[in-house]
Amino acid sequence: MRRSAAISLPVCAGLVVSAAALCVACGKKGPPLPPLNELPAAPTALVAERRGSTVDVRLIVPATNTDGTRPADLTRVDVYALSAAPPVTPDEVFRHGRKVATILVNPPRDPDESPDEPGDDRGSDEKRSRDAKRRSRPEAQGVDQGTGAQLHDRIDAAEAGSAPARTYVGVGFNKRGRRGALSTATAVSLLEAPPRPSTPTVAYDETSITVTWPEAVPDTDAEQTLAYHVYEPKTTGAPLTERAVTEPRFVDKRIEWGAERCYAVRTVKIVAGLSVESDLSEAACVTPADTFPPAAPTGLTAVASPGAISLLWDASTATDLAGYVVFRAIAPATSLTPVTPSPIQETTFTDQVMPGAHATYAVQAVDKSGNASPLSSPIQETAR
């Protein structure tokens, strides 16, 4: 028995040592992991347009980080501008330009903060947790990630002409104040803006509104191009002309009776591929009224039968047609008078007359505004 005990002690001791070694190996710390360093991606769709003494800048706020993760670690987007001869790189604008605006970005919504559903138990722990998150969330002061933002940069009179162009870039900053990727650069002309156009003239017909204005006089720079943008001042401010037009004339097909339309014009000067627009002209407004009758009906024919005469004519192409009025004169009378007391929708009409009656007919089209067309060419027929 003693011999057996002597043999078992070393084995137990070996197991204890092995277990201790294993525990030491499990608790050993590896090399420290680098801290997460998420930087916001670059703002996109940066556009700058100079109108008079103001530059309108638009961009899309990033919604991801430079590594593609989302939401972006983003608190603000700064916009920088540099007045210098192009081309200018985005990095040069950021390092040597000046900050012209800061766009605050709202914190992303907590994905666990789902909206209330009908029938939610207001006293549940989950509901109380959502309410607490809402109360602790800062009030929105800026724009959301992935949405558009717009700003206006003022150009002083002393700055106009100080350099050929001004170039803009945008860049986002995270919660630690570190900047992300720079946007692409976009430039506007700093040359003197063209003169403000005179008030346009507005006229309309039954299909469209036509806007005209005096043609701009070019200055001594032979390399410039003059064009025009037409605006509707009471709307968002975007031009009605997708591209600047070179003729002092614009046709608007969006005619609507009784709806006021207002128009204003900017002259666009283009030099070396960069454009600058003038200040907006005074607006000219018009409220179109439908005073335009439809065309006279055509193709009127008559077919006689015992005690009746049947009429048939071509349908009117007027889009606001209300109907047709049939006129008749039975000999010996020669004056045409209405047979139908109100406009009819059909393009046929049967007139009950005495056998042997000799009648003259004509048809008139009437629109929904009460405008009546001229009479159609008259036609004569004798009932059998």
Protein backbone atom coordinates (compact mmCIF):
# COMPACT_ATOMS: atom_id res chain seq x y z
CA MET A 1 0.00 0.00 0.00
CA ARG A 2 2.85 2.41 0.76
CA ARG A 3 4.42 1.63 -2.60
CA SER A 4 1.23 2.51 -4.45
CA ALA A 5 0.95 5.83 -2.64
CA ALA A 6 4.56 6.74 -3.51
CA ILE A 7 3.90 6.15 -7.18
CA SER A 8 0.68 8.21 -7.32
CA LEU A 9 2.08 11.39 -5.77
CA PRO A 10 4.35 12.40 -8.71
CA VAL A 11 1.49 11.86 -11.14
CA CYS A 12 -0.77 14.21 -9.21
CA ALA A 13 1.97 16.76 -8.93
CA GLY A 14 2.48 16.64 -12.71
CA LEU A 15 -1.22 17.26 -13.31
CA VAL A 16 -1.19 20.29 -11.04
CA VAL A 17 1.80 21.79 -12.84
CA SER A 18 0.21 21.21 -16.24
CA ALA A 19 -3.05 22.85 -15.17
CA ALA A 20 -1.20 25.85 -13.80
CA ALA A 21 0.73 26.24 -17.04
CA LEU A 22 -2.49 26.06 -19.02
CA CYS A 23 -4.09 28.75 -16.88
CA VAL A 24 -1.07 31.01 -17.32
CA ALA A 25 -1.22 30.55 -21.12
CA CYS A 26 -4.95 31.40 -21.22
CA GLY A 27 -4.49 34.64 -19.30
CA LYS A 28 -1.59 35.94 -21.41
CA LYS A 29 -2.36 39.24 -23.20
CA GLY A 30 -1.61 39.63 -26.92
CA PRO A 31 -0.42 42.81 -28.69
CA PRO A 32 -2.89 45.77 -28.30
CA LEU A 33 -5.37 46.25 -31.15
CA PRO A 34 -5.26 49.63 -32.94
CA PRO A 35 -8.25 51.89 -32.07
CA LEU A 36 -11.03 52.21 -34.60
CA ASN A 37 -10.39 55.28 -36.75
CA GLU A 38 -13.51 55.86 -38.84
CA LEU A 39 -13.35 58.86 -41.14
CA PRO A 40 -16.35 60.16 -43.13
CA ALA A 41 -16.42 59.63 -46.87
CA ALA A 42 -16.26 62.63 -49.19
CA PRO A 43 -19.36 64.75 -49.86
CA THR A 44 -20.71 64.08 -53.35
CA ALA A 45 -22.53 65.95 -56.14
CA LEU A 46 -20.84 69.26 -55.27
CA VAL A 47 -22.18 71.99 -57.57
CA ALA A 48 -21.43 75.73 -57.46
CA GLU A 49 -23.28 78.33 -59.55
CA ARG A 50 -22.64 82.06 -59.42
CA ARG A 51 -25.63 84.37 -59.81
CA GLY A 52 -24.85 88.05 -59.49
CA SER A 53 -22.88 88.54 -56.27
CA THR A 54 -23.92 85.18 -54.76
CA VAL A 55 -22.58 81.67 -55.31
CA ASP A 56 -25.11 78.90 -54.67
CA VAL A 57 -23.34 75.73 -53.49
CA ARG A 58 -25.10 72.35 -53.24
CA LEU A 59 -23.78 68.98 -52.09
CA ILE A 60 -24.84 65.59 -50.73
CA VAL A 61 -23.81 64.90 -47.13
CA PRO A 62 -21.95 61.55 -46.82
CA ALA A 63 -23.74 58.62 -45.17
CA THR A 64 -20.76 56.22 -44.98
CA ASN A 65 -17.17 56.19 -43.80
CA THR A 66 -14.16 55.88 -46.06
CA ASP A 67 -14.10 52.12 -45.41
CA GLY A 68 -17.72 51.76 -46.52
CA THR A 69 -19.21 51.27 -43.06
CA ARG A 70 -22.34 53.12 -42.02
CA PRO A 71 -23.60 55.27 -40.47
CA ALA A 72 -20.80 57.77 -40.98
CA ASP A 73 -18.89 59.08 -37.97
CA LEU A 74 -19.83 62.62 -38.94
CA THR A 75 -20.76 65.78 -37.03
CA ARG A 76 -20.28 68.50 -39.65
CA VAL A 77 -19.30 69.28 -43.23
CA ASP A 78 -17.12 72.32 -43.88
CA VAL A 79 -16.96 74.04 -47.26
CA TYR A 80 -13.73 75.77 -48.33
CA ALA A 81 -13.11 78.20 -51.18
CA LEU A 82 -9.94 79.42 -52.86
CA SER A 83 -9.79 82.35 -55.29
CA ALA A 84 -7.06 81.49 -57.81
CA ALA A 85 -6.52 80.67 -61.43
CA PRO A 86 -7.71 77.14 -62.24
CA PRO A 87 -6.94 74.30 -62.24
CA VAL A 88 -6.76 73.93 -58.45
CA THR A 89 -6.70 70.59 -56.62
CA PRO A 90 -9.04 69.82 -53.71
CA ASP A 91 -6.06 69.61 -51.35
CA GLU A 92 -4.86 73.07 -52.40
CA VAL A 93 -8.30 74.51 -51.70
CA PHE A 94 -8.37 72.92 -48.25
CA ARG A 95 -4.82 73.98 -47.30
CA HIS A 96 -4.75 77.48 -48.79
CA GLY A 97 -8.42 78.48 -49.02
CA ARG A 98 -10.76 79.80 -46.36
CA LYS A 99 -13.76 78.16 -44.75
CA VAL A 100 -16.94 79.76 -46.08
CA ALA A 101 -19.57 77.63 -44.35
CA THR A 102 -20.19 74.86 -41.83
CA ILE A 103 -23.09 72.42 -42.29
CA LEU A 104 -24.11 70.71 -39.04
CA VAL A 105 -25.05 67.04 -39.43
CA ASN A 106 -27.61 65.37 -37.19
CA PRO A 107 -26.58 62.24 -35.28
CA PRO A 108 -27.88 59.04 -36.90
CA ARG A 109 -31.09 57.60 -35.53
CA ASP A 110 -30.71 54.78 -33.02
CA PRO A 111 -31.72 51.58 -34.88
CA ASP A 112 -33.19 50.20 -31.61
CA GLU A 113 -35.44 53.24 -31.29
CA SER A 114 -38.30 51.94 -33.39
CA PRO A 115 -41.44 54.03 -33.79
CA ASP A 116 -44.45 53.24 -31.63
CA GLU A 117 -46.91 50.76 -33.05
CA PRO A 118 -50.68 50.93 -32.50
CA GLY A 119 -51.61 49.07 -29.33
CA ASP A 120 -48.18 49.51 -27.65
CA ASP A 121 -48.28 49.05 -23.88
CA ARG A 122 -47.26 52.48 -22.58
CA GLY A 123 -46.10 50.97 -19.29
CA SER A 124 -43.82 48.29 -20.74
CA ASP A 125 -40.08 48.28 -20.05
CA GLU A 126 -39.37 48.42 -23.79
CA LYS A 127 -41.60 51.48 -24.22
CA ARG A 128 -39.98 53.26 -21.29
CA SER A 129 -36.57 52.54 -22.77
CA ARG A 130 -37.56 54.07 -26.14
CA ASP A 131 -38.96 57.15 -24.40
CA ALA A 132 -35.74 57.59 -22.44
CA LYS A 133 -33.68 57.40 -25.64
CA ARG A 134 -35.85 60.03 -27.28
CA ARG A 135 -35.49 62.37 -24.32
CA SER A 136 -31.71 61.92 -24.21
CA ARG A 137 -31.18 62.46 -27.95
CA PRO A 138 -30.02 65.99 -28.88
CA GLU A 139 -32.48 68.10 -30.84
CA ALA A 140 -31.81 68.05 -34.59
CA GLN A 141 -29.94 71.19 -35.61
CA GLY A 142 -28.64 70.32 -39.06
CA VAL A 143 -29.19 67.98 -41.98
CA ASP A 144 -29.36 64.20 -42.02
CA GLN A 145 -26.71 61.95 -43.49
CA GLY A 146 -27.23 61.13 -47.16
CA THR A 147 -29.38 64.22 -47.81
CA GLY A 148 -28.74 67.39 -49.79
CA ALA A 149 -27.53 70.68 -48.32
CA GLN A 150 -27.33 74.16 -49.83
CA LEU A 151 -25.47 77.33 -48.86
CA HIS A 152 -24.86 80.78 -50.28
CA ASP A 153 -21.42 82.40 -50.50
CA ARG A 154 -21.38 86.17 -50.94
CA ILE A 155 -18.81 87.75 -53.27
CA ASP A 156 -17.88 91.30 -52.36
CA ALA A 157 -17.37 93.88 -55.07
CA ALA A 158 -13.65 94.00 -54.22
CA GLU A 159 -13.36 90.22 -54.74
CA ALA A 160 -15.03 90.22 -58.15
CA GLY A 161 -12.21 90.27 -60.68
CA SER A 162 -9.50 89.68 -58.06
CA ALA A 163 -8.87 86.25 -59.59
CA PRO A 164 -10.21 84.41 -62.64
CA ALA A 165 -12.17 81.89 -60.58
CA ARG A 166 -13.13 80.62 -57.15
CA THR A 167 -12.94 76.88 -56.45
CA TYR A 168 -14.97 75.06 -53.76
CA VAL A 169 -14.52 71.73 -51.93
CA GLY A 170 -16.40 70.06 -49.08
CA VAL A 171 -15.06 67.81 -46.31
CA GLY A 172 -16.63 66.03 -43.33
CA PHE A 173 -15.33 65.86 -39.76
CA ASN A 174 -15.92 63.10 -37.19
CA LYS A 175 -16.61 63.37 -33.45
CA ARG A 176 -12.87 63.59 -32.74
CA GLY A 177 -12.49 66.53 -35.09
CA ARG A 178 -10.57 64.54 -37.68
CA ARG A 179 -11.35 65.27 -41.31
CA GLY A 180 -12.47 62.71 -43.85
CA ALA A 181 -12.02 62.58 -47.60
CA LEU A 182 -12.19 65.74 -49.68
CA SER A 183 -14.89 66.17 -52.30
CA THR A 184 -14.11 66.93 -55.91
CA ALA A 185 -13.46 70.59 -56.69
CA THR A 186 -15.84 72.82 -58.62
CA ALA A 187 -15.12 76.35 -59.82
CA VAL A 188 -17.12 79.46 -60.69
CA SER A 189 -16.03 82.57 -62.57
CA LEU A 190 -15.05 85.69 -60.62
CA LEU A 191 -15.30 87.92 -63.68
CA GLU A 192 -17.71 90.82 -63.60
CA ALA A 193 -21.30 89.66 -63.94
CA PRO A 194 -23.26 90.77 -67.03
CA PRO A 195 -25.87 93.53 -66.68
CA ARG A 196 -29.31 92.69 -65.37
CA PRO A 197 -31.81 92.11 -68.21
CA SER A 198 -34.87 94.29 -68.75
CA THR A 199 -38.28 93.04 -67.66
CA PRO A 200 -39.41 90.33 -70.10
CA THR A 201 -42.59 90.44 -72.19
CA VAL A 202 -45.10 87.62 -71.82
CA ALA A 203 -47.75 86.56 -74.35
CA TYR A 204 -49.79 83.41 -74.81
CA ASP A 205 -52.00 81.54 -77.21
CA GLU A 206 -54.16 78.48 -76.74
CA THR A 207 -51.19 76.09 -76.55
CA SER A 208 -48.26 77.87 -74.86
CA ILE A 209 -46.82 80.96 -73.14
CA THR A 210 -44.01 82.83 -74.91
CA VAL A 211 -41.46 84.90 -72.97
CA THR A 212 -39.21 87.39 -74.80
CA TRP A 213 -36.67 89.98 -73.65
CA PRO A 214 -34.14 92.42 -75.19
CA GLU A 215 -30.94 90.77 -76.39
CA ALA A 216 -27.87 91.42 -74.24
CA VAL A 217 -25.01 93.48 -75.67
CA PRO A 218 -21.60 91.73 -75.39
CA ASP A 219 -18.64 93.61 -73.97
CA THR A 220 -15.25 93.93 -75.64
CA ASP A 221 -14.18 90.37 -74.75
CA ALA A 222 -14.50 88.56 -78.08
CA GLU A 223 -14.07 85.13 -76.45
CA GLN A 224 -17.19 85.33 -74.31
CA THR A 225 -20.53 83.69 -75.02
CA LEU A 226 -23.84 85.20 -73.90
CA ALA A 227 -26.87 83.07 -73.12
CA TYR A 228 -29.92 83.20 -70.84
CA HIS A 229 -31.69 81.31 -68.09
CA VAL A 230 -35.42 81.76 -67.44
CA TYR A 231 -36.76 81.44 -63.90
CA GLU A 232 -40.15 81.20 -62.24
CA PRO A 233 -39.52 83.38 -59.15
CA LYS A 234 -42.39 81.98 -57.06
CA THR A 235 -41.01 78.43 -57.17
CA THR A 236 -37.85 76.79 -55.78
CA GLY A 237 -35.49 78.98 -57.79
CA ALA A 238 -34.28 76.35 -60.27
CA PRO A 239 -34.28 77.61 -63.88
CA LEU A 240 -37.01 76.53 -66.27
CA THR A 241 -34.34 76.25 -68.94
CA GLU A 242 -32.38 73.03 -68.43
CA ARG A 243 -29.57 74.58 -70.46
CA ALA A 244 -28.91 78.26 -71.07
CA VAL A 245 -30.59 79.37 -74.30
CA THR A 246 -28.82 81.60 -76.80
CA GLU A 247 -31.96 83.21 -78.25
CA PRO A 248 -33.86 85.83 -76.18
CA ARG A 249 -37.02 83.75 -76.28
CA PHE A 250 -38.55 80.94 -74.23
CA VAL A 251 -41.73 78.93 -74.86
CA ASP A 252 -43.51 77.37 -71.87
CA LYS A 253 -45.93 74.59 -72.79
CA ARG A 254 -47.36 74.35 -69.24
CA ILE A 255 -50.37 76.52 -69.99
CA GLU A 256 -53.27 76.30 -67.52
CA TRP A 257 -56.28 78.59 -67.79
CA GLY A 258 -56.76 80.80 -64.75
CA ALA A 259 -53.36 79.95 -63.20
CA GLU A 260 -50.89 82.82 -62.83
CA ARG A 261 -47.40 82.33 -64.24
CA CYS A 262 -44.46 84.64 -63.52
CA TYR A 263 -41.13 84.77 -65.36
CA ALA A 264 -37.75 86.46 -64.83
CA VAL A 265 -34.48 86.24 -66.77
CA ARG A 266 -30.74 86.15 -66.04
CA THR A 267 -28.05 86.77 -68.63
CA VAL A 268 -25.30 84.14 -68.59
CA LYS A 269 -21.73 85.09 -69.55
CA ILE A 270 -19.44 82.16 -70.35
CA VAL A 271 -15.68 82.69 -70.52
CA ALA A 272 -13.10 79.87 -70.66
CA GLY A 273 -15.76 77.31 -69.79
CA LEU A 274 -16.87 79.08 -66.59
CA SER A 275 -20.19 80.91 -66.35
CA VAL A 276 -21.52 83.80 -64.30
CA GLU A 277 -25.17 84.89 -64.27
CA SER A 278 -26.50 88.39 -63.89
CA ASP A 279 -28.90 89.52 -61.21
CA LEU A 280 -32.49 88.47 -61.80
CA SER A 281 -34.66 90.74 -63.90
CA GLU A 282 -37.97 92.08 -62.71
CA ALA A 283 -40.69 89.46 -63.00
CA ALA A 284 -43.47 89.60 -65.60
CA CYS A 285 -46.69 87.74 -64.74
CA VAL A 286 -49.69 86.62 -66.72
CA THR A 287 -52.91 84.73 -65.94
CA PRO A 288 -54.00 83.00 -69.16
CA ALA A 289 -57.71 83.13 -69.94
CA ASP A 290 -59.32 80.86 -72.50
CA THR A 291 -60.71 83.16 -75.18
CA PHE A 292 -59.83 80.85 -78.04
CA PRO A 293 -62.74 79.14 -79.83
CA PRO A 294 -62.35 75.70 -81.33
CA ALA A 295 -62.12 75.25 -85.06
CA ALA A 296 -65.31 75.00 -87.11
CA PRO A 297 -66.54 71.42 -87.61
CA THR A 298 -65.78 69.79 -90.95
CA GLY A 299 -67.16 66.95 -93.04
CA LEU A 300 -70.84 67.79 -92.54
CA THR A 301 -73.08 65.49 -94.60
CA ALA A 302 -76.85 64.94 -94.71
CA VAL A 303 -78.95 61.89 -95.54
CA ALA A 304 -82.72 62.27 -96.28
CA SER A 305 -85.38 59.79 -95.23
CA PRO A 306 -89.20 59.96 -94.99
CA GLY A 307 -89.96 62.82 -92.56
CA ALA A 308 -86.37 63.19 -91.37
CA ILE A 309 -82.90 64.37 -92.29
CA SER A 310 -79.87 62.75 -90.59
CA LEU A 311 -76.62 64.72 -90.15
CA LEU A 312 -73.06 63.46 -89.64
CA TRP A 313 -69.77 65.42 -89.18
CA ASP A 314 -66.14 64.93 -88.16
CA ALA A 315 -65.22 65.08 -84.48
CA SER A 316 -63.47 68.22 -83.24
CA THR A 317 -59.85 67.94 -82.07
CA ALA A 318 -60.28 70.57 -79.33
CA THR A 319 -59.10 69.18 -75.98
CA ASP A 320 -61.64 71.23 -74.00
CA LEU A 321 -64.65 70.53 -76.20
CA ALA A 322 -68.07 70.84 -74.53
CA GLY A 323 -70.13 69.73 -77.53
CA TYR A 324 -71.88 70.83 -80.74
CA VAL A 325 -74.83 73.05 -81.61
CA VAL A 326 -76.85 72.25 -84.75
CA PHE A 327 -78.33 75.17 -86.76
CA ARG A 328 -81.16 74.94 -89.30
CA ALA A 329 -83.20 77.04 -91.72
CA ILE A 330 -86.27 75.61 -93.53
CA ALA A 331 -87.17 77.30 -96.82
CA PRO A 332 -88.36 79.85 -97.50
CA ALA A 333 -86.48 81.06 -94.34
CA THR A 334 -82.79 81.74 -94.84
CA SER A 335 -81.65 82.64 -91.32
CA LEU A 336 -80.03 79.75 -89.43
CA THR A 337 -81.23 79.23 -85.85
CA PRO A 338 -80.19 76.62 -83.24
CA VAL A 339 -82.08 73.33 -83.27
CA THR A 340 -80.35 71.87 -80.20
CA PRO A 341 -81.02 73.97 -77.04
CA SER A 342 -77.63 73.00 -75.54
CA PRO A 343 -74.43 71.43 -76.93
CA ILE A 344 -74.70 67.72 -77.75
CA GLN A 345 -71.80 65.27 -77.35
CA GLU A 346 -72.49 63.14 -80.42
CA THR A 347 -71.31 63.87 -83.95
CA THR A 348 -74.67 62.82 -85.39
CA PHE A 349 -78.15 64.37 -85.28
CA THR A 350 -81.51 63.38 -86.78
CA ASP A 351 -83.93 66.23 -87.50
CA GLN A 352 -87.64 65.38 -87.76
CA VAL A 353 -89.17 67.53 -90.53
CA MET A 354 -92.22 67.47 -92.80
CA PRO A 355 -91.88 65.39 -95.95
CA GLY A 356 -90.68 67.55 -98.82
CA ALA A 357 -89.19 70.19 -96.50
CA HIS A 358 -86.09 71.81 -97.93
CA ALA A 359 -83.60 72.55 -95.09
CA THR A 360 -80.18 74.13 -94.72
CA TYR A 361 -77.90 72.98 -91.86
CA ALA A 362 -74.63 74.02 -90.20
CA VAL A 363 -72.86 72.89 -87.03
CA GLN A 364 -70.90 74.85 -84.42
CA ALA A 365 -68.37 73.53 -81.86
CA VAL A 366 -68.36 74.97 -78.31
CA ASP A 367 -65.60 74.56 -75.69
CA LYS A 368 -65.92 74.36 -71.88
CA SER A 369 -65.21 78.07 -71.49
CA GLY A 370 -68.18 78.91 -73.71
CA ASN A 371 -66.13 79.88 -76.75
CA ALA A 372 -68.03 79.06 -79.95
CA SER A 373 -66.44 78.22 -83.28
CA PRO A 374 -67.53 79.67 -86.61
CA LEU A 375 -70.32 77.74 -88.31
CA SER A 376 -69.35 74.85 -90.50
CA SER A 377 -69.89 75.03 -94.24
CA PRO A 378 -73.67 74.84 -94.73
CA ILE A 379 -75.31 71.89 -96.42
CA GLN A 380 -78.82 71.54 -97.93
CA GLU A 381 -81.12 68.56 -98.14
CA THR A 382 -84.84 67.83 -98.86
CA ALA A 383 -86.77 65.34 -96.72
CA ARG A 384 -88.66 62.60 -98.56
